[in-house]
Every structure is written in structure tokens, then in C-alpha cells.
Amino acid sequence: MVTFKSKASRDVDYHTNVGLQLLKMMGRDNKVPSAMFADDVPAALTRLQQALAELDDDEVASDNQTGTGKTQQDEDDKPQKVSLKQRAQPLLKLLHKAQQANVGLMWQ
């Protein structure tokens, strides 16, 4: 587990693989535990937003290319995949609140 913490809001937990992927998207290394200063939060937030936007574009292109002609029944039977953009929403909110409060972020 990777837990993101800030004085601005409650903790946000992720499974290790998702947490490390989000750290990488923020321009950070995979070092756990670690932290960033308040001055670094806006840049990390921007990087994460840009990476998620690029990921969305890639996912849409991938879905369009792999159209397999499945029926609606096939689509209804399989579990819905949760995108990384959806998973990242709590961290994005935490980063926004940390930026507004001018406080840092740590993770362990």
C-alpha cells in the first residue's frame, strides 16, 4: 500500500502498483516513503493532470483500434474496468487542497 498524506485533507490509500504509477506520473521516483515541499505541489499536480489526459487519449485510441464486434450482452456480463483517471481522483483532490493550503505532501 502507498498512503498519501497532507495536513490539508484526509489520507489517500492506493495499492502499491497504482500508487507508484501515480508517483511516476507526478514526476517523482518510486522512493517510498518520501515527501515533497509545498512549493513542489503545483508542478506535481500539473504533471499528473497532463499525464492522465495523455493516458485518456491513448486509452480511447486503443479501444477504437481493438473493436472486436462484441455484442451488448457480452459487454454487460464482464466487470467494468476502473480507469487510472478515476482511481487518481482522490489524489488529485488531495493535491488541489494541499496547493490551496500551501502545505506539502508525503507518502509512505
N, C-alpha and C. Protein backbone atom coordinates (compact mmCIF):
# COMPACT_ATOMS: atom_id res chain seq x y z
N MET A 1 0.83 -1.18 0.00
CA MET A 1 0.00 0.00 0.00
C MET A 1 0.88 1.25 0.00
N VAL A 2 0.42 2.27 -0.70
CA VAL A 2 1.05 3.58 -0.68
C VAL A 2 0.00 4.54 -0.14
N THR A 3 0.34 5.24 0.92
CA THR A 3 -0.57 6.20 1.55
C THR A 3 -0.04 7.60 1.35
N PHE A 4 -0.86 8.46 0.74
CA PHE A 4 -0.52 9.86 0.55
C PHE A 4 -1.13 10.65 1.69
N LYS A 5 -0.31 11.54 2.29
CA LYS A 5 -0.75 12.31 3.45
C LYS A 5 -0.44 13.78 3.26
N SER A 6 -1.34 14.60 3.79
CA SER A 6 -1.14 16.04 3.79
C SER A 6 -1.95 16.62 4.94
N LYS A 7 -1.50 17.74 5.46
CA LYS A 7 -2.25 18.42 6.51
C LYS A 7 -3.54 19.02 5.96
N ALA A 8 -3.65 19.12 4.65
CA ALA A 8 -4.80 19.77 4.01
C ALA A 8 -6.06 18.90 3.98
N SER A 9 -5.89 17.58 4.06
CA SER A 9 -7.05 16.70 3.92
C SER A 9 -6.72 15.33 4.48
N ARG A 10 -7.70 14.42 4.36
CA ARG A 10 -7.51 13.07 4.87
C ARG A 10 -6.54 12.29 3.98
N ASP A 11 -6.06 11.17 4.50
CA ASP A 11 -5.12 10.31 3.78
C ASP A 11 -5.81 9.65 2.59
N VAL A 12 -5.00 9.33 1.58
CA VAL A 12 -5.48 8.63 0.40
C VAL A 12 -4.60 7.40 0.21
N ASP A 13 -5.22 6.22 0.15
CA ASP A 13 -4.50 4.95 0.03
C ASP A 13 -4.67 4.35 -1.36
N TYR A 14 -3.59 3.74 -1.85
CA TYR A 14 -3.60 3.03 -3.13
C TYR A 14 -2.83 1.73 -2.98
N HIS A 15 -3.20 0.74 -3.79
CA HIS A 15 -2.37 -0.44 -3.89
C HIS A 15 -1.01 0.00 -4.42
N THR A 16 0.01 -0.72 -4.08
CA THR A 16 1.38 -0.31 -4.39
C THR A 16 1.58 -0.01 -5.87
N ASN A 17 1.11 -0.90 -6.76
CA ASN A 17 1.36 -0.67 -8.19
C ASN A 17 0.70 0.60 -8.70
N VAL A 18 -0.51 0.90 -8.23
CA VAL A 18 -1.20 2.13 -8.66
C VAL A 18 -0.53 3.35 -8.05
N GLY A 19 -0.19 3.28 -6.77
CA GLY A 19 0.47 4.40 -6.09
C GLY A 19 1.80 4.76 -6.74
N LEU A 20 2.59 3.75 -7.08
CA LEU A 20 3.88 4.00 -7.72
C LEU A 20 3.69 4.57 -9.13
N GLN A 21 2.68 4.10 -9.84
CA GLN A 21 2.40 4.64 -11.16
C GLN A 21 2.00 6.12 -11.08
N LEU A 22 1.19 6.47 -10.09
CA LEU A 22 0.80 7.87 -9.92
C LEU A 22 1.98 8.74 -9.52
N LEU A 23 2.86 8.21 -8.68
CA LEU A 23 4.08 8.95 -8.32
C LEU A 23 4.92 9.25 -9.56
N LYS A 24 5.08 8.25 -10.39
CA LYS A 24 5.86 8.42 -11.62
C LYS A 24 5.22 9.47 -12.51
N MET A 25 3.88 9.46 -12.59
CA MET A 25 3.18 10.45 -13.42
C MET A 25 3.34 11.86 -12.86
N MET A 26 3.56 11.98 -11.54
CA MET A 26 3.78 13.30 -10.93
C MET A 26 5.22 13.76 -11.09
N GLY A 27 6.05 12.93 -11.72
CA GLY A 27 7.45 13.29 -11.92
C GLY A 27 8.33 12.92 -10.74
N ARG A 28 7.86 12.04 -9.89
CA ARG A 28 8.62 11.60 -8.72
C ARG A 28 9.18 10.22 -8.99
N ASP A 29 10.17 9.83 -8.18
CA ASP A 29 10.71 8.49 -8.30
C ASP A 29 9.87 7.53 -7.45
N ASN A 30 10.23 6.27 -7.46
CA ASN A 30 9.48 5.25 -6.74
C ASN A 30 9.93 5.09 -5.30
N LYS A 31 10.56 6.09 -4.76
CA LYS A 31 11.05 6.03 -3.39
C LYS A 31 9.89 6.18 -2.41
N VAL A 32 9.71 5.17 -1.58
CA VAL A 32 8.66 5.19 -0.55
C VAL A 32 9.32 4.78 0.75
N PRO A 33 9.21 5.52 1.80
CA PRO A 33 8.49 6.79 1.98
C PRO A 33 9.29 7.97 1.44
N SER A 34 8.58 9.03 1.16
CA SER A 34 9.20 10.27 0.70
C SER A 34 8.19 11.40 0.86
N ALA A 35 8.56 12.58 0.37
CA ALA A 35 7.69 13.75 0.53
C ALA A 35 8.07 14.81 -0.49
N MET A 36 7.20 15.81 -0.58
CA MET A 36 7.51 16.99 -1.39
C MET A 36 7.10 18.24 -0.60
N PHE A 37 7.83 19.30 -0.84
CA PHE A 37 7.53 20.57 -0.20
C PHE A 37 6.29 21.20 -0.82
N ALA A 38 5.72 22.16 -0.12
CA ALA A 38 4.54 22.86 -0.62
C ALA A 38 4.81 23.52 -1.97
N ASP A 39 6.02 24.01 -2.18
CA ASP A 39 6.37 24.66 -3.44
C ASP A 39 6.37 23.69 -4.62
N ASP A 40 6.53 22.39 -4.35
CA ASP A 40 6.58 21.38 -5.41
C ASP A 40 5.19 20.83 -5.78
N VAL A 41 4.19 21.09 -4.96
CA VAL A 41 2.86 20.53 -5.18
C VAL A 41 2.22 21.01 -6.49
N PRO A 42 2.24 22.31 -6.82
CA PRO A 42 1.60 22.73 -8.08
C PRO A 42 2.19 22.05 -9.32
N ALA A 43 3.50 21.90 -9.37
CA ALA A 43 4.13 21.25 -10.52
C ALA A 43 3.74 19.77 -10.59
N ALA A 44 3.70 19.11 -9.45
CA ALA A 44 3.31 17.70 -9.42
C ALA A 44 1.86 17.54 -9.86
N LEU A 45 1.00 18.44 -9.42
CA LEU A 45 -0.41 18.40 -9.82
C LEU A 45 -0.54 18.58 -11.32
N THR A 46 0.16 19.53 -11.88
CA THR A 46 0.12 19.78 -13.32
C THR A 46 0.61 18.58 -14.10
N ARG A 47 1.74 17.99 -13.67
CA ARG A 47 2.27 16.82 -14.36
C ARG A 47 1.28 15.65 -14.33
N LEU A 48 0.67 15.44 -13.17
CA LEU A 48 -0.29 14.34 -13.04
C LEU A 48 -1.50 14.58 -13.95
N GLN A 49 -2.01 15.79 -13.98
CA GLN A 49 -3.16 16.10 -14.84
C GLN A 49 -2.81 15.89 -16.31
N GLN A 50 -1.62 16.33 -16.72
CA GLN A 50 -1.20 16.16 -18.11
C GLN A 50 -1.03 14.68 -18.46
N ALA A 51 -0.41 13.93 -17.56
CA ALA A 51 -0.20 12.50 -17.82
C ALA A 51 -1.53 11.76 -17.90
N LEU A 52 -2.47 12.12 -17.06
CA LEU A 52 -3.79 11.46 -17.10
C LEU A 52 -4.53 11.82 -18.38
N ALA A 53 -4.39 13.06 -18.84
CA ALA A 53 -5.03 13.48 -20.09
C ALA A 53 -4.44 12.71 -21.27
N GLU A 54 -3.13 12.54 -21.29
CA GLU A 54 -2.48 11.78 -22.35
C GLU A 54 -2.89 10.32 -22.29
N LEU A 55 -3.01 9.79 -21.09
CA LEU A 55 -3.43 8.41 -20.91
C LEU A 55 -4.83 8.20 -21.44
N ASP A 56 -5.73 9.14 -21.20
CA ASP A 56 -7.09 9.06 -21.71
C ASP A 56 -7.09 9.00 -23.23
N ASP A 57 -6.28 9.84 -23.86
CA ASP A 57 -6.20 9.84 -25.32
C ASP A 57 -5.71 8.49 -25.82
N ASP A 58 -4.71 7.93 -25.16
CA ASP A 58 -4.17 6.63 -25.56
C ASP A 58 -5.19 5.52 -25.35
N GLU A 59 -5.95 5.57 -24.25
CA GLU A 59 -6.96 4.55 -23.98
C GLU A 59 -8.08 4.60 -25.01
N VAL A 60 -8.50 5.80 -25.40
CA VAL A 60 -9.56 5.93 -26.40
C VAL A 60 -9.08 5.38 -27.74
N ALA A 61 -7.85 5.71 -28.11
CA ALA A 61 -7.30 5.22 -29.37
C ALA A 61 -7.18 3.70 -29.33
N SER A 62 -6.75 3.16 -28.21
CA SER A 62 -6.62 1.72 -28.06
C SER A 62 -7.97 1.03 -28.15
N ASP A 63 -8.98 1.58 -27.51
CA ASP A 63 -10.32 0.99 -27.55
C ASP A 63 -10.89 1.02 -28.96
N ASN A 64 -10.63 2.09 -29.70
CA ASN A 64 -11.13 2.19 -31.06
C ASN A 64 -10.45 1.19 -31.98
N GLN A 65 -9.16 0.94 -31.75
CA GLN A 65 -8.42 0.02 -32.59
C GLN A 65 -8.76 -1.43 -32.29
N THR A 66 -9.16 -1.73 -31.07
CA THR A 66 -9.40 -3.12 -30.70
C THR A 66 -10.88 -3.46 -30.70
N GLY A 67 -11.68 -2.72 -31.44
CA GLY A 67 -13.11 -3.03 -31.53
C GLY A 67 -13.28 -4.46 -32.03
N THR A 68 -13.87 -5.33 -31.21
CA THR A 68 -13.93 -6.75 -31.54
C THR A 68 -15.31 -7.18 -31.99
N GLY A 69 -16.23 -6.26 -32.09
CA GLY A 69 -17.56 -6.60 -32.53
C GLY A 69 -18.35 -7.39 -31.49
N LYS A 70 -18.07 -7.20 -30.23
CA LYS A 70 -18.80 -7.89 -29.17
C LYS A 70 -20.22 -7.34 -29.08
N THR A 71 -21.11 -8.18 -28.68
CA THR A 71 -22.50 -7.75 -28.53
C THR A 71 -22.67 -7.01 -27.21
N GLN A 72 -23.79 -6.32 -27.05
CA GLN A 72 -24.08 -5.60 -25.81
C GLN A 72 -24.15 -6.58 -24.64
N GLN A 73 -24.67 -7.79 -24.87
CA GLN A 73 -24.75 -8.79 -23.81
C GLN A 73 -23.36 -9.15 -23.30
N ASP A 74 -22.39 -9.30 -24.23
CA ASP A 74 -21.01 -9.59 -23.82
C ASP A 74 -20.46 -8.47 -22.95
N GLU A 75 -20.74 -7.22 -23.32
CA GLU A 75 -20.24 -6.07 -22.57
C GLU A 75 -20.88 -6.00 -21.18
N ASP A 76 -22.18 -6.35 -21.08
CA ASP A 76 -22.87 -6.29 -19.80
C ASP A 76 -22.41 -7.35 -18.83
N ASP A 77 -21.95 -8.48 -19.33
CA ASP A 77 -21.55 -9.59 -18.47
C ASP A 77 -20.18 -9.40 -17.83
N LYS A 78 -19.29 -8.67 -18.46
CA LYS A 78 -17.95 -8.53 -17.90
C LYS A 78 -17.90 -7.35 -16.91
N PRO A 79 -17.06 -7.48 -15.88
CA PRO A 79 -16.95 -6.38 -14.90
C PRO A 79 -16.36 -5.13 -15.55
N GLN A 80 -16.81 -3.99 -15.09
CA GLN A 80 -16.33 -2.72 -15.63
C GLN A 80 -14.91 -2.45 -15.14
N LYS A 81 -14.07 -2.01 -16.04
CA LYS A 81 -12.69 -1.66 -15.72
C LYS A 81 -12.66 -0.24 -15.15
N VAL A 82 -11.97 -0.05 -14.04
CA VAL A 82 -11.83 1.27 -13.45
C VAL A 82 -10.56 1.89 -14.02
N SER A 83 -10.71 3.02 -14.69
CA SER A 83 -9.57 3.66 -15.33
C SER A 83 -8.65 4.30 -14.29
N LEU A 84 -7.43 4.51 -14.70
CA LEU A 84 -6.47 5.16 -13.81
C LEU A 84 -6.91 6.59 -13.51
N LYS A 85 -7.56 7.22 -14.46
CA LYS A 85 -8.05 8.59 -14.23
C LYS A 85 -9.07 8.60 -13.09
N GLN A 86 -9.95 7.60 -13.07
CA GLN A 86 -10.92 7.50 -11.98
C GLN A 86 -10.23 7.21 -10.65
N ARG A 87 -9.25 6.33 -10.69
CA ARG A 87 -8.53 5.98 -9.46
C ARG A 87 -7.74 7.17 -8.92
N ALA A 88 -7.31 8.05 -9.81
CA ALA A 88 -6.47 9.19 -9.41
C ALA A 88 -7.27 10.33 -8.80
N GLN A 89 -8.59 10.33 -8.91
CA GLN A 89 -9.40 11.45 -8.43
C GLN A 89 -9.15 11.82 -6.97
N PRO A 90 -9.10 10.87 -6.03
CA PRO A 90 -8.82 11.26 -4.64
C PRO A 90 -7.45 11.95 -4.47
N LEU A 91 -6.45 11.47 -5.20
CA LEU A 91 -5.13 12.10 -5.13
C LEU A 91 -5.15 13.49 -5.74
N LEU A 92 -5.86 13.66 -6.85
CA LEU A 92 -5.99 14.99 -7.45
C LEU A 92 -6.63 15.97 -6.48
N LYS A 93 -7.68 15.53 -5.79
CA LYS A 93 -8.34 16.39 -4.80
C LYS A 93 -7.39 16.74 -3.66
N LEU A 94 -6.64 15.75 -3.21
CA LEU A 94 -5.67 15.99 -2.14
C LEU A 94 -4.61 17.00 -2.58
N LEU A 95 -4.11 16.87 -3.79
CA LEU A 95 -3.12 17.81 -4.31
C LEU A 95 -3.70 19.22 -4.44
N HIS A 96 -4.94 19.33 -4.91
CA HIS A 96 -5.60 20.64 -5.00
C HIS A 96 -5.70 21.28 -3.62
N LYS A 97 -6.13 20.51 -2.64
CA LYS A 97 -6.28 21.05 -1.28
C LYS A 97 -4.93 21.42 -0.69
N ALA A 98 -3.91 20.61 -0.95
CA ALA A 98 -2.57 20.92 -0.46
C ALA A 98 -2.04 22.21 -1.10
N GLN A 99 -2.32 22.37 -2.38
CA GLN A 99 -1.90 23.59 -3.08
C GLN A 99 -2.60 24.81 -2.48
N GLN A 100 -3.91 24.70 -2.27
CA GLN A 100 -4.67 25.82 -1.70
C GLN A 100 -4.20 26.17 -0.30
N ALA A 101 -3.87 25.15 0.50
CA ALA A 101 -3.44 25.38 1.87
C ALA A 101 -1.95 25.68 1.98
N ASN A 102 -1.25 25.58 0.85
CA ASN A 102 0.20 25.80 0.79
C ASN A 102 0.94 24.89 1.79
N VAL A 103 0.62 23.59 1.70
CA VAL A 103 1.29 22.59 2.53
C VAL A 103 1.86 21.50 1.63
N GLY A 104 2.78 20.74 2.16
CA GLY A 104 3.42 19.68 1.41
C GLY A 104 2.61 18.40 1.38
N LEU A 105 3.22 17.39 0.80
CA LEU A 105 2.61 16.08 0.65
C LEU A 105 3.67 15.04 0.98
N MET A 106 3.26 14.02 1.70
CA MET A 106 4.18 12.91 1.95
C MET A 106 3.49 11.60 1.61
N TRP A 107 4.27 10.57 1.40
CA TRP A 107 3.72 9.26 1.11
C TRP A 107 4.59 8.20 1.75
N GLN A 108 3.92 7.13 2.14
CA GLN A 108 4.64 6.03 2.78
C GLN A 108 4.03 4.71 2.38
